[in-house]
Protein backbone atom coordinates (compact mmCIF):
# COMPACT_ATOMS: atom_id res chain seq x y z
CA UNK A 1 118.45 59.40 8.19
CA UNK A 2 121.58 58.20 9.78
CA UNK A 3 119.79 56.38 12.43
CA UNK A 4 117.89 54.52 9.46
CA UNK A 5 121.32 53.47 8.17
CA UNK A 6 122.99 52.32 11.13
CA UNK A 7 119.80 50.27 11.76
CA UNK A 8 120.56 48.70 8.15
CA UNK A 9 124.19 48.01 8.53
CA UNK A 10 123.52 46.11 11.66
CA UNK A 11 120.89 43.90 9.94
CA UNK A 12 123.74 43.31 7.72
CA UNK A 13 126.52 42.48 10.28
CA UNK A 14 124.08 40.07 11.82
CA UNK A 15 123.06 38.30 8.55
CA UNK A 16 126.57 38.00 7.76
CA UNK A 17 127.22 36.51 11.23
CA UNK A 18 124.27 34.10 10.78
CA UNK A 19 125.43 33.14 7.40
CA UNK A 20 129.19 32.21 8.07
CA UNK A 21 127.76 30.48 10.85
CA UNK A 22 125.36 27.74 8.74
CA UNK A 23 128.13 26.16 6.85
CA UNK A 24 129.28 25.94 3.34
CA UNK A 25 126.03 24.26 2.25
CA UNK A 26 124.00 27.57 3.03
CA UNK A 27 126.84 29.74 1.50
CA UNK A 28 126.59 27.56 -2.05
CA UNK A 29 122.68 28.02 -2.23
CA UNK A 30 122.99 31.69 -0.93
CA UNK A 31 125.59 32.44 -4.05
CA UNK A 32 123.49 30.40 -6.71
CA UNK A 33 119.63 31.94 -5.47
CA UNK A 34 121.65 35.36 -5.54
CA UNK A 35 122.96 34.69 -8.71
CA UNK A 36 119.74 33.59 -10.09
CA UNK A 37 118.35 36.42 -8.97
CA UNK A 38 120.86 38.98 -10.48
CA UNK A 39 120.36 37.37 -13.99
CA UNK A 40 117.14 36.15 -14.10
CA UNK A 41 114.61 37.56 -11.89
CA UNK A 42 112.72 38.81 -14.33
CA UNK A 43 112.51 35.50 -16.02
CA UNK A 44 111.70 33.99 -13.15
CA UNK A 45 108.99 36.13 -12.58
CA UNK A 46 106.44 34.35 -10.35
CA UNK A 47 108.73 32.45 -7.85
CA UNK A 48 110.48 35.98 -7.30
CA UNK A 49 107.40 37.06 -6.69
CA UNK A 50 106.45 34.39 -4.08
CA UNK A 51 109.85 34.92 -2.11
CA UNK A 52 109.88 38.83 -2.10
CA UNK A 53 106.13 38.71 -1.48
CA UNK A 54 106.84 36.70 1.45
CA UNK A 55 109.88 38.56 2.62
CA UNK A 56 107.83 42.24 2.28
CA UNK A 57 104.63 40.50 4.08
CA UNK A 58 106.67 39.81 7.09
CA UNK A 59 108.40 43.07 7.15
CA UNK A 60 104.93 44.53 6.81
CA UNK A 61 103.14 41.87 9.77
CA UNK A 62 105.94 43.76 11.83
CA UNK A 63 105.30 47.29 10.89
CA UNK A 64 101.86 46.94 11.91
CA UNK A 65 102.20 45.07 14.91
CA UNK A 66 104.06 47.96 16.01
CA UNK A 67 101.34 50.30 14.76
CA UNK A 68 98.34 48.78 15.88
CA UNK A 69 99.10 50.21 19.97
CA UNK A 70 102.38 48.89 20.60
CA UNK A 71 101.67 45.39 19.17
CA UNK A 72 98.86 44.08 21.04
CA UNK A 73 99.21 40.46 22.31
CA UNK A 74 100.42 39.43 18.69
CA UNK A 75 104.19 38.25 19.05
CA UNK A 76 106.65 39.33 16.33
CA UNK A 77 107.30 36.08 15.31
CA UNK A 78 103.21 35.49 14.34
CA UNK A 79 103.06 38.95 13.26
CA UNK A 80 106.07 38.10 10.59
CA UNK A 81 104.73 34.73 9.83
CA UNK A 82 101.19 35.53 9.08
CA UNK A 83 102.42 38.60 7.14
CA UNK A 84 105.13 36.15 5.24
CA UNK A 85 102.02 34.10 4.23
CA UNK A 86 99.56 36.62 3.06
CA UNK A 87 102.28 38.44 1.19
CA UNK A 88 103.55 35.29 -0.70
CA UNK A 89 100.38 33.64 -1.32
CA UNK A 90 98.92 37.10 -2.68
CA UNK A 91 102.09 37.46 -4.91
CA UNK A 92 102.09 34.14 -5.95
CA UNK A 93 98.72 34.49 -7.29
CA UNK A 94 99.17 37.89 -9.05
CA UNK A 95 103.16 38.77 -9.24
CA UNK A 96 102.50 42.55 -9.70
CA UNK A 97 101.33 42.22 -5.53
CA UNK A 98 104.76 41.86 -4.82
CA UNK A 99 106.32 45.32 -5.72
CA UNK A 100 102.89 46.87 -4.55
CA UNK A 101 102.85 45.53 -1.31
CA UNK A 102 106.84 46.82 -1.31
CA UNK A 103 105.63 50.09 -2.44
CA UNK A 104 102.36 50.13 0.24
CA UNK A 105 104.66 49.76 3.21
CA UNK A 106 107.36 52.37 2.07
CA UNK A 107 104.47 54.51 1.75
CA UNK A 108 102.67 53.33 4.59
CA UNK A 109 106.16 54.34 6.67
CA UNK A 110 106.13 57.66 5.51
CA UNK A 111 102.74 57.84 5.73
CA UNK A 112 102.72 57.56 9.46
CA UNK A 113 104.89 60.72 9.99
CA UNK A 114 102.13 62.99 7.96
CA UNK A 115 98.90 62.60 9.69
CA UNK A 116 95.72 63.08 7.94
CA UNK A 117 92.81 64.83 10.11
CA UNK A 118 95.43 64.51 13.21
CA UNK A 119 95.89 60.59 12.73
CA UNK A 120 98.78 59.00 12.07
CA UNK A 121 96.97 55.63 11.42
CA UNK A 122 94.88 57.34 8.31
CA UNK A 123 98.52 58.83 7.04
CA UNK A 124 99.96 55.39 6.52
CA UNK A 125 96.76 54.29 4.91
CA UNK A 126 96.76 56.81 2.63
CA UNK A 127 100.56 56.61 2.18
CA UNK A 128 100.26 52.95 1.68
CA UNK A 129 97.40 53.43 -1.40
CA UNK A 130 99.42 55.78 -3.00
CA UNK A 131 102.63 53.74 -2.42
CA UNK A 132 101.13 50.59 -4.01
CA UNK A 133 99.00 52.05 -7.16
CA UNK A 134 102.54 53.37 -7.81
CA UNK A 135 104.21 49.89 -7.46
CA UNK A 136 101.04 48.57 -9.60
CA UNK A 137 102.23 51.20 -12.47
CA UNK A 138 105.94 50.27 -12.13
CA UNK A 139 105.42 46.66 -11.18
CA UNK A 140 108.46 45.36 -13.32
CA UNK A 141 111.19 47.31 -13.12
CA UNK A 142 110.05 47.45 -8.98
CA UNK A 143 110.50 44.26 -8.47
CA UNK A 144 113.61 43.73 -10.84
CA UNK A 145 115.24 46.38 -8.48
CA UNK A 146 114.11 44.51 -5.11
CA UNK A 147 114.88 41.20 -6.53
CA UNK A 148 118.38 42.21 -7.44
CA UNK A 149 118.92 43.71 -4.07
CA UNK A 150 117.90 40.74 -1.83
CA UNK A 151 119.98 38.97 -4.50
CA UNK A 152 123.01 41.04 -4.65
CA UNK A 153 123.16 40.31 -0.84
CA UNK A 154 122.52 36.99 -1.06
CA UNK A 155 125.49 36.41 -3.17
CA UNK A 156 127.68 38.73 -0.98
CA UNK A 157 126.87 36.69 2.04
CA UNK A 158 127.11 33.24 0.22
CA UNK A 159 130.27 34.15 -1.22
CA UNK A 160 131.66 35.07 2.19
CA UNK A 161 130.20 32.23 4.14
CA UNK A 162 131.92 30.47 1.38
CA UNK A 163 135.26 31.83 1.54
CA UNK A 164 135.29 30.31 5.37
CA UNK A 165 138.46 31.96 7.49
CA UNK A 166 140.24 33.30 4.62
CA UNK A 167 141.44 37.07 5.66
CA UNK A 168 140.00 38.81 2.57
CA UNK A 169 136.45 37.18 4.14
CA UNK A 170 136.85 38.17 7.13
CA UNK A 171 137.91 41.41 6.91
CA UNK A 172 134.84 41.98 4.31
CA UNK A 173 132.77 40.14 6.93
CA UNK A 174 133.91 43.10 9.93
CA UNK A 175 132.85 46.03 7.31
CA UNK A 176 129.03 45.67 6.88
CA UNK A 177 129.23 48.98 4.50
CA UNK A 178 131.57 47.41 2.01
CA UNK A 179 129.15 44.51 2.10
CA UNK A 180 126.24 46.48 1.16
CA UNK A 181 128.31 48.36 -1.19
CA UNK A 182 129.47 44.84 -3.12
CA UNK A 183 125.60 44.43 -2.93
CA UNK A 184 124.32 47.43 -4.48
CA UNK A 185 126.68 47.69 -7.47
CA UNK A 186 125.64 44.09 -7.87
CA UNK A 187 122.13 45.05 -7.84
CA UNK A 188 122.57 47.97 -9.94
CA UNK A 189 124.50 45.75 -12.75
CA UNK A 190 122.00 42.85 -12.60
CA UNK A 191 118.99 45.38 -12.76
CA UNK A 192 120.51 47.11 -15.51
CA UNK A 193 121.00 43.62 -17.33
CA UNK A 194 117.85 42.48 -16.74
CA UNK A 195 115.87 45.99 -17.93
CA UNK A 196 118.15 46.06 -20.63
CA UNK A 197 117.14 42.62 -22.13
CA UNK A 198 113.10 43.16 -22.26
CA UNK A 199 110.22 41.98 -20.55
CA UNK A 200 110.16 37.86 -21.23
CA UNK A 201 107.86 37.15 -23.92
CA UNK A 202 106.39 34.02 -26.20
CA UNK A 203 109.04 32.31 -28.41
CA UNK A 204 108.85 32.87 -31.69
CA UNK A 205 105.57 31.09 -33.08
CA UNK A 206 105.88 27.36 -34.14
CA UNK A 207 105.64 27.21 -37.45
CA UNK A 208 102.83 24.57 -39.18
CA UNK A 209 104.67 22.01 -41.08
CA UNK A 210 102.43 22.82 -44.56
CA UNK A 211 104.62 26.28 -44.26
CA UNK A 212 108.00 24.46 -43.89
CA UNK A 213 107.39 22.06 -46.73
CA UNK A 214 106.21 26.03 -48.64
CA UNK A 215 109.58 27.53 -48.36
CA UNK A 216 111.25 23.87 -48.94
CA UNK A 217 110.11 23.65 -52.29
């Protein structure tokens, strides 16, 4: 568990450094996108699914490349690009594919360590199928949780980037655990707000003119 946490914090550190190097315009874009995900990912279901599906697809492409004979001839960039294209397209056509792919990726990575019939590949396949099924069953909750987690991280990185060289931003950027903690708090708050609000549904039925005239009489 500790190596995974260390790797995750290293990724946060790199993301913070890269975001701050992009300038204020990129910081503002990250902040706006993060706030939108925190407050309206459930309402913006298809755009959220496309972005999330592309991100998960890229990670899945890298995972498959690593699993298949150490990567073969495919470069990491090509594997990530193909995965992102397929994941984004599938999620755009069927938004529930985003949480299904995310859970399938987690299940597949866990299944590698539980070989089936002595095969790690078979274990990964079974784990991916079980994860995908769970992702479809809990599609809304998983999608909102993942979207708000990404939104919280984007909002924090955007705010730190906009703050520039101010002391609080410099201090926060040097502590990836603090960045991740703030992002997690925002994600929990955003998820609770959106899930408590209920799923997006059709608006009230427009009343025909005859009904409105009858009420007026």
